[in-house]
Protein backbone atom coordinates (compact mmCIF):
# COMPACT_ATOMS: atom_id res chain seq x y z
CA MET A 1 -9.37 7.07 21.03
CA GLU A 2 -10.18 7.29 17.44
CA ASP A 3 -12.87 5.01 16.54
CA LEU A 4 -11.36 2.26 14.26
CA SER A 5 -14.51 0.59 13.08
CA GLU A 6 -13.99 2.24 9.64
CA ALA A 7 -9.78 1.87 9.80
CA GLY A 8 -8.63 0.25 6.79
CA SER A 9 -11.57 1.20 4.62
CA VAL A 10 -11.51 3.92 1.71
CA VAL A 11 -13.87 7.22 1.43
CA GLU A 12 -14.62 8.98 -1.73
CA ARG A 13 -15.25 12.93 -1.97
CA GLU A 14 -14.55 15.89 -3.75
CA GLU A 15 -11.73 17.88 -2.79
CA LEU A 16 -9.26 20.36 -3.85
CA MET A 17 -5.91 18.49 -4.29
CA VAL A 18 -2.21 19.43 -4.86
CA SER A 19 0.34 17.29 -6.25
CA PRO A 20 3.03 15.92 -3.62
CA SER A 21 5.72 18.22 -5.41
CA GLY A 22 3.56 21.28 -5.27
CA ASP A 23 3.76 21.78 -8.57
CA GLY A 24 0.66 23.32 -10.43
CA GLU A 25 -2.76 24.52 -9.60
CA PRO A 26 -4.41 22.56 -6.98
CA THR A 27 -7.56 21.19 -8.55
CA MET A 28 -10.96 20.12 -7.32
CA ARG A 29 -11.59 16.31 -7.81
CA LEU A 30 -12.70 12.97 -6.84
CA ALA A 31 -10.31 11.71 -4.01
CA HIS A 32 -10.12 8.58 -2.18
CA PHE A 33 -8.76 8.50 1.35
CA LEU A 34 -7.73 5.66 3.81
CA GLN A 35 -9.62 5.95 7.05
CA PRO A 36 -9.45 7.30 9.98
CA THR A 37 -8.69 11.00 8.78
CA VAL A 38 -9.20 14.22 10.69
CA THR A 39 -12.43 15.75 9.21
CA SER A 40 -13.11 18.68 11.29
CA ILE A 41 -10.53 21.34 12.93
CA ASP A 42 -11.78 20.47 16.48
CA GLU A 43 -10.27 16.75 15.96
CA GLN A 44 -6.62 16.01 17.12
CA ALA A 45 -3.82 15.82 14.89
CA PHE A 46 -0.40 14.22 15.46
CA GLU A 47 2.33 16.74 16.13
CA LEU A 48 5.77 15.96 15.95
CA PRO A 49 7.65 15.45 19.44
CA SER A 50 9.47 18.73 20.01
CA ALA A 51 12.99 17.03 19.85
CA TYR A 52 12.46 15.58 16.51
CA PHE A 53 14.16 18.13 14.43
CA SER A 54 17.10 18.74 16.66
CA SER A 55 18.07 15.02 16.88
CA LYS A 56 20.59 14.61 14.34
CA PRO A 57 24.14 14.71 14.42
CA PRO A 58 25.27 18.43 12.86
CA THR A 59 27.06 16.56 9.83
CA PHE A 60 26.16 13.16 8.24
CA GLN A 61 29.58 11.64 8.72
CA PRO A 62 28.98 8.03 10.25
CA LYS A 63 32.53 6.83 10.05
CA ASN A 64 33.27 9.11 12.44
CA TRP A 65 30.59 8.81 15.08
CA PRO A 66 31.41 7.22 18.14
CA LEU A 67 28.59 4.68 17.38
CA ASN A 68 29.11 0.79 17.28
CA VAL A 69 26.11 -0.84 15.69
CA ASN A 70 26.10 -4.51 15.51
CA PHE A 71 23.76 -6.06 12.91
CA TYR A 72 23.44 -9.44 14.13
CA GLY A 73 20.14 -9.96 12.24
CA TRP A 74 21.68 -9.38 8.78
CA ARG A 75 23.00 -12.74 7.68
CA LEU A 76 24.41 -14.07 4.57
CA PRO A 77 23.94 -17.26 3.05
CA GLN A 78 26.31 -20.14 4.45
CA LYS A 79 28.47 -22.06 2.04
CA ASP A 80 26.34 -25.08 0.96
CA TRP A 81 23.01 -23.43 2.20
CA ARG A 82 22.03 -22.89 -1.36
CA LYS A 83 22.36 -26.56 -2.10
CA TRP A 84 20.28 -27.13 1.12
CA VAL A 85 17.56 -24.85 0.10
CA GLU A 86 17.54 -26.59 -3.36
CA LYS A 87 17.30 -30.12 -2.21
CA MET A 88 14.42 -29.28 0.30
CA ALA A 89 12.57 -27.41 -2.60
CA SER A 90 12.54 -30.49 -4.48
CA LEU A 91 11.03 -32.43 -1.86
CA HIS A 92 8.85 -29.83 -0.35
CA GLU A 93 8.07 -26.86 -2.58
CA PRO A 94 4.37 -27.53 -2.62
CA THR A 95 4.41 -27.33 1.17
CA TRP A 96 6.32 -24.24 1.35
CA LYS A 97 3.66 -22.42 -1.28
CA LYS A 98 0.82 -23.81 1.14
CA ALA A 99 2.61 -22.05 4.24
CA GLY A 100 3.18 -19.11 2.20
CA ILE A 101 7.01 -19.29 2.50
CA HIS A 102 8.36 -20.41 -0.77
CA GLU A 103 9.53 -17.28 -2.00
CA ALA A 104 10.76 -16.02 1.70
CA ILE A 105 12.93 -19.08 1.94
CA LEU A 106 14.46 -18.56 -1.67
CA ASN A 107 15.34 -14.87 -0.40
CA SER A 108 17.80 -16.45 1.89
CA THR A 109 19.96 -17.73 -1.01
CA TYR A 110 20.93 -14.36 -1.98
CA GLU A 111 23.84 -12.10 -0.41
CA ILE A 112 22.37 -8.49 0.16
CA ARG A 113 25.39 -6.51 1.01
CA ARG A 114 25.05 -3.99 3.76
CA ASN A 115 25.14 -0.10 2.97
CA THR A 116 25.73 1.09 6.71
CA ASP A 117 25.46 5.25 5.81
CA LEU A 118 22.08 4.32 4.14
CA VAL A 119 20.84 2.26 6.91
CA LEU A 120 22.04 5.07 9.48
CA GLY A 121 20.60 7.89 6.91
CA LEU A 122 17.21 6.52 7.42
CA ALA A 123 17.38 5.88 11.05
CA GLU A 124 18.05 9.49 11.51
CA ARG A 125 14.56 9.87 9.97
CA TRP A 126 12.65 7.31 12.20
CA CYS A 127 9.96 8.84 14.21
CA SER A 128 8.95 6.07 17.03
CA GLU A 129 5.63 7.70 17.45
CA THR A 130 4.27 7.59 13.77
CA LYS A 131 6.38 4.38 12.97
CA SER A 132 7.32 5.93 9.89
CA PHE A 133 10.28 7.80 8.08
CA ILE A 134 9.88 11.72 8.18
CA PHE A 135 11.70 13.28 5.25
CA SER A 136 11.56 17.09 4.71
CA TRP A 137 9.13 16.58 1.87
CA GLY A 138 6.77 13.87 3.41
CA GLU A 139 6.29 10.89 5.28
CA ALA A 140 6.88 7.19 4.46
CA THR A 141 7.48 3.81 5.94
CA ILE A 142 8.07 0.09 5.67
CA THR A 143 4.62 -1.51 5.67
CA LEU A 144 3.24 -5.04 5.44
CA GLU A 145 2.85 -4.72 1.80
CA ASP A 146 6.60 -4.49 1.70
CA LEU A 147 6.83 -7.93 3.54
CA MET A 148 4.14 -9.62 1.82
CA ILE A 149 5.95 -8.64 -1.66
CA HIS A 150 8.76 -10.29 -0.51
CA GLY A 151 7.30 -13.42 0.20
CA TYR A 152 6.34 -13.09 4.23
CA SER A 153 2.62 -14.23 5.10
CA VAL A 154 0.58 -11.28 6.38
CA LEU A 155 -2.42 -13.94 7.17
CA GLY A 156 -2.40 -17.12 9.05
CA PHE A 157 -1.72 -18.23 13.12
CA PRO A 158 0.39 -15.91 15.28
CA VAL A 159 4.29 -16.92 15.78
CA PHE A 160 3.43 -17.54 19.52
CA ILE A 161 1.88 -20.94 18.16
CA SER A 162 2.41 -24.17 20.17
CA SER A 163 3.07 -27.26 18.77
CA GLY A 164 -0.24 -28.37 19.77
CA ALA A 165 -0.94 -32.22 19.06
CA GLU A 166 1.23 -35.36 20.95
CA GLU A 167 2.93 -35.94 17.41
CA LEU A 168 3.94 -32.44 16.71
CA LYS A 169 5.14 -32.34 20.77
CA LYS A 170 7.64 -35.31 20.01
CA ARG A 171 9.06 -33.72 16.87
CA GLU A 172 9.70 -30.63 19.07
CA GLU A 173 11.31 -32.70 22.10
CA ARG A 174 13.56 -34.39 19.11
CA LEU A 175 14.52 -31.22 18.00
CA ASN A 176 15.38 -29.75 21.22
CA GLN A 177 17.11 -32.62 21.98
CA ALA A 178 19.15 -32.27 18.83
CA ARG A 179 20.07 -28.88 20.40
CA LEU A 180 21.16 -30.17 23.82
CA GLU A 181 23.19 -32.62 22.26
CA LEU A 182 25.28 -30.04 20.22
CA ILE A 183 25.56 -28.00 23.39
CA ARG A 184 26.55 -30.92 25.50
CA PHE A 185 29.12 -32.26 23.05
CA SER A 186 30.51 -28.82 21.61
CA THR A 187 31.84 -25.38 23.40
CA ARG A 188 30.03 -23.82 20.70
CA ASN A 189 26.56 -24.46 21.29
CA ALA A 190 23.91 -25.45 18.58
CA GLU A 191 25.54 -23.22 16.27
CA HIS A 192 24.23 -22.87 12.56
CA CYS A 193 27.17 -24.63 10.93
CA LEU A 194 27.08 -27.57 13.34
CA TRP A 195 22.96 -27.83 13.05
CA MET A 196 23.66 -27.74 9.10
CA LYS A 197 26.19 -30.45 9.35
CA LYS A 198 24.23 -32.74 11.36
CA PHE A 199 20.71 -32.53 9.73
CA MET A 200 21.80 -31.51 5.85
CA ASN A 201 21.62 -34.94 3.66
CA SER A 202 21.28 -37.06 6.88
CA GLY A 203 17.83 -38.57 5.61
CA ASN A 204 16.26 -37.62 9.16
CA ASP A 205 12.93 -37.81 9.23
CA ILE A 206 13.01 -34.54 10.60
CA GLU A 207 15.38 -32.96 8.56
CA HIS A 208 12.88 -30.75 7.00
CA GLU A 209 11.67 -29.51 10.38
CA ALA A 210 15.54 -28.79 11.28
CA PHE A 211 16.07 -26.94 8.23
CA LEU A 212 13.14 -24.68 8.60
CA ALA A 213 14.32 -24.26 12.15
CA LEU A 214 17.64 -23.19 10.72
CA TRP A 215 16.30 -20.57 8.39
CA LEU A 216 14.00 -19.27 10.87
CA SER A 217 16.89 -18.88 13.41
CA ARG A 218 19.29 -16.95 10.86
CA PHE A 219 17.22 -15.32 8.40
CA VAL A 220 13.79 -14.51 10.03
CA TYR A 221 14.02 -14.06 13.90
CA PRO A 222 17.71 -14.09 14.53
CA ILE A 223 17.17 -13.42 18.43
CA SER A 224 20.76 -15.20 19.31
CA TYR A 225 23.45 -14.82 17.35
CA SER A 226 24.22 -18.06 15.20
CA ILE A 227 22.38 -20.04 17.68
CA VAL A 228 19.43 -22.48 16.50
CA THR A 229 16.91 -21.05 19.18
CA GLN A 230 14.11 -23.46 20.82
CA SER A 231 11.71 -20.67 20.29
CA VAL A 232 11.34 -21.19 16.60
CA PHE A 233 10.60 -24.96 16.92
CA PRO A 234 6.84 -24.53 17.00
CA ILE A 235 6.85 -22.45 13.98
CA ALA A 236 9.20 -24.70 12.09
CA ILE A 237 6.80 -28.04 12.93
CA HIS A 238 3.67 -26.01 11.79
CA LEU A 239 5.28 -24.56 8.75
CA ALA A 240 6.60 -28.04 7.57
CA ARG A 241 3.08 -29.19 7.77
CA GLY A 242 1.82 -26.20 5.33
CA THR A 243 0.32 -24.54 8.07
CA LYS A 244 0.38 -20.54 7.32
CA ILE A 245 1.88 -18.28 9.99
CA ALA A 246 2.03 -14.88 9.80
CA LEU A 247 5.55 -13.98 9.59
CA ALA A 248 5.18 -10.59 8.39
CA PRO A 249 3.78 -8.89 11.14
CA ALA A 250 6.16 -10.33 13.41
CA ILE A 251 9.21 -9.57 11.41
CA LEU A 252 8.20 -5.76 10.84
CA ALA A 253 7.34 -5.47 14.60
CA SER A 254 11.17 -6.36 14.95
CA ILE A 255 11.93 -3.94 12.46
CA TYR A 256 9.99 -1.12 13.89
CA ARG A 257 11.60 -1.71 17.33
CA ASP A 258 15.13 -2.09 16.21
CA LEU A 259 14.46 1.20 14.20
CA THR A 260 13.51 2.85 17.53
CA PHE A 261 16.56 1.27 19.37
CA LEU A 262 19.10 2.95 16.37
CA LYS A 263 17.01 6.31 16.57
CA GLU A 264 17.67 6.62 20.15
CA LYS A 265 21.34 5.94 20.18
CA ILE A 266 21.73 8.55 17.30
CA VAL A 267 19.98 11.10 19.02
CA ALA A 268 22.18 10.30 21.95
CA LEU A 269 25.25 11.03 19.79
CA THR A 270 24.18 14.76 19.97
CA GLU A 271 24.97 14.66 23.96
CA PHE A 272 28.12 12.20 23.80
CA ASP A 273 30.27 12.55 26.20
CA LYS A 274 33.39 10.59 25.81
CA SER A 275 34.85 10.70 29.08
CA GLU A 276 31.84 9.55 30.30
CA VAL A 277 31.44 6.74 28.17
CA GLY A 278 35.04 5.70 27.24
CA ASP A 279 36.64 4.91 23.66
CA SER A 280 34.08 2.15 23.04
CA GLY A 281 31.23 4.71 22.37
CA LEU A 282 27.78 3.89 22.23
CA ALA A 283 26.70 0.76 21.13
CA VAL A 284 23.46 -1.20 19.96
CA THR A 285 22.72 -4.50 18.50
CA ILE A 286 19.74 -5.20 15.47
CA TRP A 287 18.55 -8.44 15.80
CA SER A 288 15.92 -7.83 13.16
CA PRO A 289 16.26 -8.72 9.27
CA PHE A 290 17.61 -5.05 8.47
CA GLN A 291 18.50 -5.97 4.93
CA LEU A 292 14.31 -5.57 4.50
CA VAL A 293 15.08 -2.08 5.29
CA GLN A 294 17.67 -1.39 3.01
CA ILE A 295 16.00 -2.85 0.02
CA TRP A 296 12.84 -0.72 0.74
CA ALA A 297 15.13 2.04 0.33
CA TRP A 298 16.66 0.74 -2.84
CA GLU A 299 13.45 -0.07 -4.44
CA ARG A 300 12.46 3.85 -3.76
CA PHE A 301 15.12 6.00 -3.63
CA ILE A 302 17.00 6.07 -7.70
CA GLU A 303 19.89 8.15 -6.45
CA LEU A 304 21.07 5.67 -3.65
CA ARG A 305 20.60 2.31 -5.34
CA PRO A 306 22.80 0.40 -7.70
CA ASN A 307 21.83 -0.69 -10.97
CA PRO A 308 19.61 -3.49 -10.24
CA ASN A 309 19.97 -7.48 -11.69
CA LEU A 310 17.60 -8.82 -14.08
CA ILE A 311 15.58 -11.36 -12.61
CA LYS A 312 15.61 -14.70 -14.09
CA ILE A 313 12.54 -17.11 -14.29
CA GLY A 314 12.36 -18.78 -10.86
CA GLU A 315 14.01 -16.13 -8.91
CA THR A 316 12.39 -13.84 -6.17
CA ARG A 317 12.57 -9.77 -6.24
CA PHE A 318 15.54 -10.00 -3.80
CA ALA A 319 17.46 -11.69 -7.03
CA ARG A 320 17.64 -7.75 -8.02
CA TRP A 321 19.97 -6.86 -5.19
CA HIS A 322 22.53 -9.87 -4.89
CA LYS A 323 25.79 -8.84 -4.42
CA MET A 324 25.11 -5.17 -5.35
CA MET A 325 26.58 -2.37 -3.62
CA MET A 326 26.76 1.48 -4.32
CA ILE A 327 28.41 4.03 -2.19
CA VAL A 328 26.69 7.50 -1.87
CA ASP A 329 29.07 10.51 -0.37
CA ASN A 330 26.27 11.99 1.68
CA VAL A 331 23.10 10.01 2.06
CA ARG A 332 21.51 12.76 4.22
CA ARG A 333 21.65 15.14 1.73
CA VAL A 334 19.94 12.81 -1.19
CA LEU A 335 17.31 12.00 1.28
CA ASP A 336 16.43 15.51 1.71
CA SER A 337 16.39 16.31 -1.79
CA SER A 338 14.45 13.17 -3.13
CA LYS A 339 10.96 14.62 -3.12
CA GLU A 340 10.45 14.51 -7.06
CA ASN A 341 12.23 10.97 -7.47
CA PHE A 342 10.69 8.85 -4.47
CA GLY A 343 9.16 6.03 -5.92
CA TRP A 344 5.62 5.81 -3.85
CA ARG A 345 4.54 2.40 -5.64
CA PRO A 346 7.55 0.44 -6.73
CA TYR A 347 6.02 -3.05 -6.68
CA ALA A 348 2.95 -1.92 -8.94
CA LYS A 349 5.26 -1.80 -11.87
CA ALA A 350 5.67 -5.13 -13.81
CA LEU A 351 9.29 -6.57 -14.34
CA ARG A 352 10.08 -9.11 -16.63
CA ASN A 353 9.90 -12.46 -14.99
CA SER A 354 8.00 -11.35 -12.26
CA LYS A 355 4.57 -11.87 -11.45
CA LEU A 356 2.33 -9.01 -10.24
CA PRO A 357 -0.39 -9.75 -7.39
CA GLU A 358 -3.90 -9.51 -8.29
CA PHE A 359 -4.41 -6.51 -6.53
CA TYR A 360 -2.36 -4.22 -8.69
CA VAL A 361 -5.06 -3.91 -10.99
CA GLU A 362 -4.96 -2.48 -14.60
CA LYS A 363 -8.32 -1.05 -14.15
CA GLU A 364 -9.63 1.32 -11.29
CA MET A 365 -12.18 -0.35 -9.41
CA TRP A 366 -14.07 -1.13 -5.97
CA VAL A 367 -13.63 -4.40 -4.07
CA LEU A 368 -15.83 -5.13 -1.01
CA VAL A 369 -14.21 -7.01 1.66
CA ASP A 370 -15.87 -10.00 2.76
CA SER A 371 -15.48 -13.57 3.18
CA GLY A 372 -15.48 -14.54 -0.33
CA LEU A 373 -12.62 -12.64 -1.10
CA SER A 374 -9.22 -14.50 -2.28
CA GLU A 375 -6.18 -14.10 -0.11
CA GLU A 376 -4.25 -12.16 -2.06
CA PHE A 377 -7.04 -9.13 -1.96
CA GLU A 378 -7.58 -10.09 2.05
CA SER A 379 -3.66 -9.75 2.20
CA PHE A 380 -3.89 -6.40 1.10
CA ALA A 381 -6.84 -5.11 2.77
CA ARG A 382 -5.05 -6.05 6.12
CA CYS A 383 -2.00 -4.05 4.81
CA LEU A 384 -4.35 -0.90 4.67
CA ARG A 385 -5.71 -1.43 8.59
CA ILE A 386 -4.76 0.08 11.74
CA SER A 387 -3.31 -2.72 14.23
CA GLU A 388 -0.91 -4.18 16.47
CA LEU A 389 1.96 -5.94 15.12
CA VAL A 390 2.77 -9.34 17.26
CA GLY A 391 6.16 -10.36 17.24
CA LEU A 392 8.05 -13.05 19.27
CA ASP A 393 9.38 -10.43 21.90
CA CYS A 394 7.59 -7.60 21.20
CA VAL A 395 4.42 -5.67 19.91
CA GLU A 396 4.34 -2.22 17.97
CA HIS A 397 1.72 -0.15 16.69
CA TYR A 398 0.86 -0.27 12.76
CA LEU A 399 -0.48 2.78 11.12
CA PRO A 400 -0.65 2.46 7.38
CA HIS A 401 -3.02 5.54 6.99
CA ARG A 402 -0.40 8.02 7.30
CA VAL A 403 1.46 6.59 4.20
CA ALA A 404 -1.62 6.50 2.05
CA MET A 405 0.03 6.90 -1.34
CA GLN A 406 2.13 4.03 -0.46
CA PHE A 407 -0.78 2.05 -1.24
CA GLY A 408 -2.10 4.30 -4.52
CA ILE A 409 -4.39 6.29 -2.41
CA ASP A 410 -4.58 10.02 -1.53
CA GLN A 411 -3.28 11.50 1.23
CA ASP A 412 -5.32 13.11 3.99
CA LEU A 413 -4.62 14.63 7.41
CA PRO A 414 -3.93 11.22 9.44
CA ALA A 415 -6.14 11.05 12.57
CA CYS A 416 -4.32 10.12 16.11
CA VAL A 417 -4.85 6.59 17.08
CA ALA A 418 -4.28 5.45 20.43
CA ARG A 419 -2.17 2.52 21.49
CA ALA A 420 -3.58 -0.57 22.64
CA ASN A 421 -1.10 -1.54 25.47
CA GLU A 422 -2.36 -5.04 25.99
CA THR A 423 -0.90 -8.40 26.10
CA PHE A 424 0.51 -10.25 22.98
CA SER A 425 -2.99 -12.44 22.86
CA ILE A 426 -5.10 -9.33 23.30
CA ALA A 427 -3.02 -7.68 20.56
CA TRP A 428 -2.86 -10.42 18.07
CA SER A 429 -7.02 -10.79 18.45
CA LYS A 430 -7.63 -7.29 17.38
CA TYR A 431 -4.86 -8.05 14.37
CA ILE A 432 -7.00 -11.07 13.06
CA LYS A 433 -10.05 -9.41 13.68
CA SER A 434 -12.64 -9.84 10.52
CA ILE A 435 -12.31 -6.72 8.06
CA GLY A 436 -15.87 -7.07 7.67
CA CYS A 437 -17.64 -4.94 4.91
CA ALA A 438 -14.84 -2.23 4.28
CA ASN A 439 -14.76 -0.98 1.11
CA LEU A 440 -11.15 -1.45 -1.01
CA TYR A 441 -10.38 1.09 -3.78
CA LEU A 442 -7.84 -0.04 -6.29
CA ARG A 443 -6.27 2.62 -8.39
CA LEU A 444 -5.32 2.26 -12.07
CA MET A 445 -1.41 1.35 -10.76
CA LEU A 446 0.25 0.19 -13.83
CA GLN A 447 -0.06 3.28 -15.69
CA LEU A 448 0.21 5.39 -13.07
CA VAL A 449 3.39 4.57 -11.79
CA THR A 450 6.28 6.87 -12.90
CA GLN A 451 9.70 7.16 -12.26
CA SER A 452 9.24 9.63 -9.83
CA GLY A 453 6.14 8.14 -8.12
CA GLY A 454 4.29 11.18 -7.70
CA SER A 455 0.93 10.29 -9.21
CA ASN A 456 -1.24 10.58 -6.05
CA PRO A 457 -1.68 14.46 -4.69
CA CYS A 458 -2.38 15.14 -1.52
CA ARG A 459 -5.59 16.96 0.17
CA ILE A 460 -5.04 21.09 0.80
CA CYS A 461 -5.87 21.36 4.41
CA LYS A 462 -6.68 24.29 5.98
CA VAL A 463 -3.54 26.21 7.83
CA GLN A 464 -4.55 25.23 11.13
CA LYS A 465 -4.40 21.37 10.33
CA VAL A 466 -1.03 21.92 8.53
CA ARG A 467 0.11 23.18 11.92
CA MET A 468 -1.16 20.71 13.91
CA PHE A 469 0.04 18.06 11.79
CA CYS A 470 3.34 19.38 10.65
CA GLY A 471 4.52 20.91 14.04
CA LYS A 472 7.71 22.51 12.97
CA LYS A 473 9.64 23.70 10.11
CA GLY A 474 10.38 21.57 7.22
CA LEU A 475 7.39 19.69 6.65
CA SER A 476 5.18 22.50 5.72
CA GLU A 477 4.94 20.81 2.19
CA PHE A 478 3.72 17.50 3.18
CA LEU A 479 -0.03 18.19 3.51
CA ARG A 480 -1.39 21.88 2.06
């Protein structure tokens, strides 16, 4: 297993570099690489699974595929939900900001319309072993940075936190009692609409906790369709007191898990036998908030996205995509041809009425990650470190060193990192382990971001390394 003592830190050295597009002559310059990387020809490098390139249906016509995808985690705001959000915000906005959920809650008031073809086109490119989308021109993925930018905390307590103190346990019991009452007196269980009717404007002293329980059950961890689930009650109770919970790694873990489930079903289409399965075809249920996958793509693929809305004062970045839609004839073709137009660093470009985090600097700089670092810098540093993402019901590997250019860092040949298949608590202890004295390099981001996003060259690697990493045809231009 690769030594991870320096994982997440950045090293600086002279290397022969080439642009991601492959245009122009290679140049020798001072480069910055995210650890761990392959530094010797004798080290092990990742090789794509042999079935990866033969796992796609021959034509991209999702409407004709015998595949039924239920996006149960992709929920739209209910009638009057915005009103409840506005009322709760007027009372609890300081608490939400302290807990790091203010923007995330506002996100739930926007309607993100689903483009199923886009989601399936991305899922075709998903590799469960690298936790990334493998395109013909390179590799990219959804990272903790994406979740953090949209208001979900990277820092805080784990989502499997218990209620703790006796007072908090009593509040959890009252929430559960309300859930049981709805089940007892209704044939529809503790459905979202009934829960909202019971608590909205009720003046109940647990209305805030009930509001957060609905938000968590519907928009963050929807593990049961339209039902307020008991598993989120401890989280809601702690958030209502301003306790920061690391929602980002848990959400990302569920997204990684569901991308793998969806990719497995797409692969199965190539061997699908209707006589064996029946007219219903293949089915898969997606429980994670997959609107984040679509927004990730809209932020980066110019040809796949609608013309975004202008953000108004007080709105979140989600507002750019409120009620927007764009139909593309062949998503697969666009993804294959997006080498020149992929936006590696969309969040580093200033938007009107949107504040940039402090780690998007206007001048290149080194930052020593230590105990005196601000929360924003600490969060960004954690986005760069290999770890295990702990969710409510899954643990997934996180490999940011494979997509260094998404963090404004040059791409080297990423080293292989073995999984630590252990318990949730052990995985969490590794996630929150002190980053120590790692060096964080912040590139001049605002000026370097371009429409094509191609500002960070890749290292030129020896032919043997390219073959070890690329494995099969189609990726020879990724690292050269």
